[in-house]
Amino acid sequence: MELGCEVIQGRVLGGTSSINDMAYMRGSPADYDEWAFNGNQGWSFDHILQYFKYSEGNYDKDISKNKFFHSTQGPLDVG
C-alpha cells in the first residue's frame, strides 16, 4: 500500500519559497499512546483528541463528516 501526502507547489518569481504554506498534520495515535505508556499521563491519543478537536476548524467536506475525530468549530482553519 502506498501512502502519500499532497504537497502544493508552484513556479513563481523568486522560486517556490515565495509561496507561504503551512500543513496541519496530527501525529500518529500510536506515538501519543507510547508517550502515555512511558509515564506521560494525559498524553494518550484518546486524551488529547479533545484538544485537537477544540482547536480545529476543518471545512473539508469529506473529512468534516467524521465528527468523532474532527470539528468545524475551532479557531484554526485547517480545511
N, C-alpha and C. Protein backbone atom coordinates (compact mmCIF):
# COMPACT_ATOMS: atom_id res chain seq x y z
N MET A 1 0.84 -1.16 0.00
CA MET A 1 0.00 0.00 0.00
C MET A 1 0.89 1.23 0.00
N GLU A 2 0.60 2.16 -0.89
CA GLU A 2 1.35 3.41 -0.94
C GLU A 2 0.64 4.47 -0.14
N LEU A 3 1.38 5.15 0.71
CA LEU A 3 0.85 6.27 1.46
C LEU A 3 1.49 7.53 0.92
N GLY A 4 0.73 8.59 0.89
CA GLY A 4 1.30 9.82 0.37
C GLY A 4 0.61 11.03 0.95
N CYS A 5 1.14 12.17 0.62
CA CYS A 5 0.60 13.44 1.09
C CYS A 5 0.71 14.42 -0.07
N GLU A 6 -0.38 15.07 -0.41
CA GLU A 6 -0.36 16.06 -1.47
C GLU A 6 0.34 17.31 -0.97
N VAL A 7 1.31 17.77 -1.75
CA VAL A 7 2.04 18.98 -1.41
C VAL A 7 1.87 19.96 -2.55
N ILE A 8 1.31 21.12 -2.24
CA ILE A 8 1.10 22.14 -3.25
C ILE A 8 2.42 22.85 -3.53
N GLN A 9 2.74 22.99 -4.79
CA GLN A 9 3.94 23.70 -5.17
C GLN A 9 3.68 24.46 -6.46
N GLY A 10 4.53 25.37 -6.77
CA GLY A 10 4.31 26.14 -7.99
C GLY A 10 5.57 26.80 -8.48
N ARG A 11 5.46 27.39 -9.65
CA ARG A 11 6.59 28.12 -10.23
C ARG A 11 6.24 29.59 -10.22
N VAL A 12 7.00 30.33 -9.45
CA VAL A 12 6.76 31.76 -9.32
C VAL A 12 8.09 32.50 -9.33
N LEU A 13 8.02 33.81 -9.57
CA LEU A 13 9.20 34.64 -9.50
C LEU A 13 9.77 34.58 -8.09
N GLY A 14 11.00 34.21 -7.96
CA GLY A 14 11.62 34.07 -6.65
C GLY A 14 11.66 32.63 -6.17
N GLY A 15 11.10 31.73 -6.94
CA GLY A 15 11.11 30.32 -6.57
C GLY A 15 9.94 29.94 -5.67
N THR A 16 9.79 28.68 -5.45
CA THR A 16 8.67 28.17 -4.66
C THR A 16 8.71 28.67 -3.22
N SER A 17 9.87 29.08 -2.74
CA SER A 17 9.93 29.61 -1.38
C SER A 17 9.16 30.92 -1.25
N SER A 18 8.76 31.51 -2.37
CA SER A 18 7.93 32.73 -2.34
C SER A 18 6.51 32.42 -1.91
N ILE A 19 6.13 31.16 -1.96
CA ILE A 19 4.77 30.76 -1.58
C ILE A 19 4.78 30.39 -0.10
N ASN A 20 4.03 31.10 0.70
CA ASN A 20 3.91 30.76 2.12
C ASN A 20 2.89 29.65 2.26
N ASP A 21 3.23 28.61 2.98
CA ASP A 21 2.34 27.46 3.09
C ASP A 21 2.54 26.82 4.45
N MET A 22 1.46 26.28 4.97
CA MET A 22 1.53 25.52 6.22
C MET A 22 0.74 24.24 6.03
N ALA A 23 1.15 23.21 6.70
CA ALA A 23 0.43 21.94 6.65
C ALA A 23 0.01 21.57 8.07
N TYR A 24 -1.25 21.14 8.22
CA TYR A 24 -1.76 20.71 9.51
C TYR A 24 -1.79 19.20 9.51
N MET A 25 -0.99 18.60 10.36
CA MET A 25 -0.96 17.14 10.46
C MET A 25 -0.86 16.76 11.93
N ARG A 26 -1.64 15.80 12.32
CA ARG A 26 -1.53 15.24 13.67
C ARG A 26 -0.52 14.11 13.63
N GLY A 27 0.08 13.87 14.76
CA GLY A 27 0.98 12.73 14.85
C GLY A 27 0.21 11.42 14.85
N SER A 28 0.93 10.35 14.75
CA SER A 28 0.33 9.02 14.79
C SER A 28 -0.25 8.75 16.17
N PRO A 29 -1.48 8.23 16.26
CA PRO A 29 -2.05 7.88 17.57
C PRO A 29 -1.14 6.96 18.38
N ALA A 30 -0.44 6.06 17.71
CA ALA A 30 0.46 5.14 18.41
C ALA A 30 1.59 5.89 19.11
N ASP A 31 2.06 6.99 18.53
CA ASP A 31 3.12 7.77 19.17
C ASP A 31 2.63 8.40 20.46
N TYR A 32 1.44 9.00 20.44
CA TYR A 32 0.89 9.60 21.65
C TYR A 32 0.64 8.53 22.73
N ASP A 33 0.12 7.39 22.30
CA ASP A 33 -0.13 6.31 23.25
C ASP A 33 1.17 5.80 23.88
N GLU A 34 2.24 5.79 23.09
CA GLU A 34 3.54 5.37 23.63
C GLU A 34 4.04 6.37 24.67
N TRP A 35 3.83 7.66 24.42
CA TRP A 35 4.22 8.67 25.42
C TRP A 35 3.50 8.41 26.74
N ALA A 36 2.20 8.15 26.64
CA ALA A 36 1.42 7.87 27.86
C ALA A 36 1.90 6.59 28.54
N PHE A 37 2.18 5.58 27.74
CA PHE A 37 2.66 4.31 28.27
C PHE A 37 3.98 4.49 29.02
N ASN A 38 4.80 5.42 28.56
CA ASN A 38 6.10 5.66 29.17
C ASN A 38 6.04 6.65 30.33
N GLY A 39 4.84 6.94 30.82
CA GLY A 39 4.72 7.74 32.03
C GLY A 39 4.21 9.16 31.86
N ASN A 40 3.96 9.59 30.64
CA ASN A 40 3.46 10.94 30.41
C ASN A 40 1.94 10.93 30.46
N GLN A 41 1.41 10.90 31.66
CA GLN A 41 -0.04 10.80 31.83
C GLN A 41 -0.72 11.99 31.17
N GLY A 42 -1.84 11.71 30.53
CA GLY A 42 -2.59 12.75 29.85
C GLY A 42 -2.20 12.94 28.40
N TRP A 43 -1.23 12.16 27.92
CA TRP A 43 -0.77 12.31 26.55
C TRP A 43 -1.20 11.17 25.63
N SER A 44 -2.11 10.32 26.06
CA SER A 44 -2.61 9.28 25.15
C SER A 44 -3.44 9.96 24.07
N PHE A 45 -3.55 9.31 22.93
CA PHE A 45 -4.31 9.90 21.83
C PHE A 45 -5.75 10.15 22.23
N ASP A 46 -6.35 9.21 22.94
CA ASP A 46 -7.74 9.40 23.37
C ASP A 46 -7.90 10.62 24.27
N HIS A 47 -6.89 10.92 25.06
CA HIS A 47 -6.96 12.08 25.96
C HIS A 47 -6.77 13.40 25.21
N ILE A 48 -5.84 13.45 24.27
CA ILE A 48 -5.57 14.73 23.61
C ILE A 48 -6.46 14.99 22.40
N LEU A 49 -7.21 13.98 21.96
CA LEU A 49 -8.10 14.18 20.82
C LEU A 49 -9.05 15.35 21.04
N GLN A 50 -9.54 15.50 22.26
CA GLN A 50 -10.46 16.61 22.55
C GLN A 50 -9.80 17.96 22.29
N TYR A 51 -8.50 18.08 22.51
CA TYR A 51 -7.79 19.34 22.28
C TYR A 51 -7.57 19.59 20.78
N PHE A 52 -7.30 18.52 20.05
CA PHE A 52 -7.22 18.66 18.59
C PHE A 52 -8.56 19.17 18.06
N LYS A 53 -9.63 18.55 18.51
CA LYS A 53 -10.96 18.94 18.03
C LYS A 53 -11.32 20.36 18.46
N TYR A 54 -10.94 20.75 19.67
CA TYR A 54 -11.24 22.08 20.18
C TYR A 54 -10.59 23.16 19.32
N SER A 55 -9.39 22.90 18.84
CA SER A 55 -8.66 23.91 18.07
C SER A 55 -8.97 23.86 16.57
N GLU A 56 -9.51 22.76 16.08
CA GLU A 56 -9.65 22.54 14.65
C GLU A 56 -10.94 23.11 14.06
N GLY A 57 -10.79 23.88 13.00
CA GLY A 57 -11.91 24.32 12.18
C GLY A 57 -11.75 23.71 10.80
N ASN A 58 -12.15 22.47 10.65
CA ASN A 58 -11.92 21.74 9.41
C ASN A 58 -13.16 21.80 8.53
N TYR A 59 -13.04 22.43 7.37
CA TYR A 59 -14.18 22.61 6.49
C TYR A 59 -14.10 21.75 5.24
N ASP A 60 -13.18 20.80 5.22
CA ASP A 60 -13.13 19.85 4.11
C ASP A 60 -14.41 19.03 4.14
N LYS A 61 -15.14 18.99 3.04
CA LYS A 61 -16.47 18.37 3.04
C LYS A 61 -16.45 16.89 3.39
N ASP A 62 -15.39 16.19 3.06
CA ASP A 62 -15.33 14.76 3.37
C ASP A 62 -14.80 14.51 4.78
N ILE A 63 -13.74 15.20 5.14
CA ILE A 63 -13.13 14.99 6.45
C ILE A 63 -14.04 15.45 7.58
N SER A 64 -14.71 16.59 7.40
CA SER A 64 -15.54 17.14 8.48
C SER A 64 -16.77 16.29 8.78
N LYS A 65 -17.09 15.33 7.94
CA LYS A 65 -18.22 14.43 8.21
C LYS A 65 -17.93 13.52 9.41
N ASN A 66 -16.67 13.27 9.67
CA ASN A 66 -16.29 12.39 10.78
C ASN A 66 -16.18 13.21 12.06
N LYS A 67 -17.30 13.41 12.72
CA LYS A 67 -17.37 14.25 13.92
C LYS A 67 -16.63 13.65 15.12
N PHE A 68 -16.36 12.36 15.10
CA PHE A 68 -15.63 11.76 16.21
C PHE A 68 -14.19 12.26 16.26
N PHE A 69 -13.58 12.45 15.09
CA PHE A 69 -12.18 12.85 15.02
C PHE A 69 -11.95 14.31 14.65
N HIS A 70 -12.98 14.99 14.10
CA HIS A 70 -12.77 16.34 13.57
C HIS A 70 -13.88 17.29 14.00
N SER A 71 -13.57 18.59 13.93
CA SER A 71 -14.51 19.63 14.31
C SER A 71 -14.47 20.76 13.30
N THR A 72 -15.57 21.47 13.17
CA THR A 72 -15.62 22.67 12.33
C THR A 72 -15.73 23.92 13.18
N GLN A 73 -15.64 23.79 14.49
CA GLN A 73 -15.90 24.91 15.40
C GLN A 73 -14.66 25.63 15.90
N GLY A 74 -13.48 25.07 15.71
CA GLY A 74 -12.28 25.66 16.29
C GLY A 74 -11.74 26.86 15.54
N PRO A 75 -10.85 27.61 16.15
CA PRO A 75 -10.31 28.82 15.55
C PRO A 75 -9.22 28.59 14.50
N LEU A 76 -8.68 27.38 14.41
CA LEU A 76 -7.60 27.09 13.47
C LEU A 76 -8.19 26.51 12.19
N ASP A 77 -8.21 27.30 11.11
CA ASP A 77 -8.78 26.86 9.83
C ASP A 77 -7.82 25.89 9.16
N VAL A 78 -8.19 24.63 9.14
CA VAL A 78 -7.30 23.60 8.59
C VAL A 78 -7.90 22.90 7.38
N GLY A 79 -9.01 23.36 6.88
CA GLY A 79 -9.66 22.66 5.78
C GLY A 79 -9.87 23.43 4.55
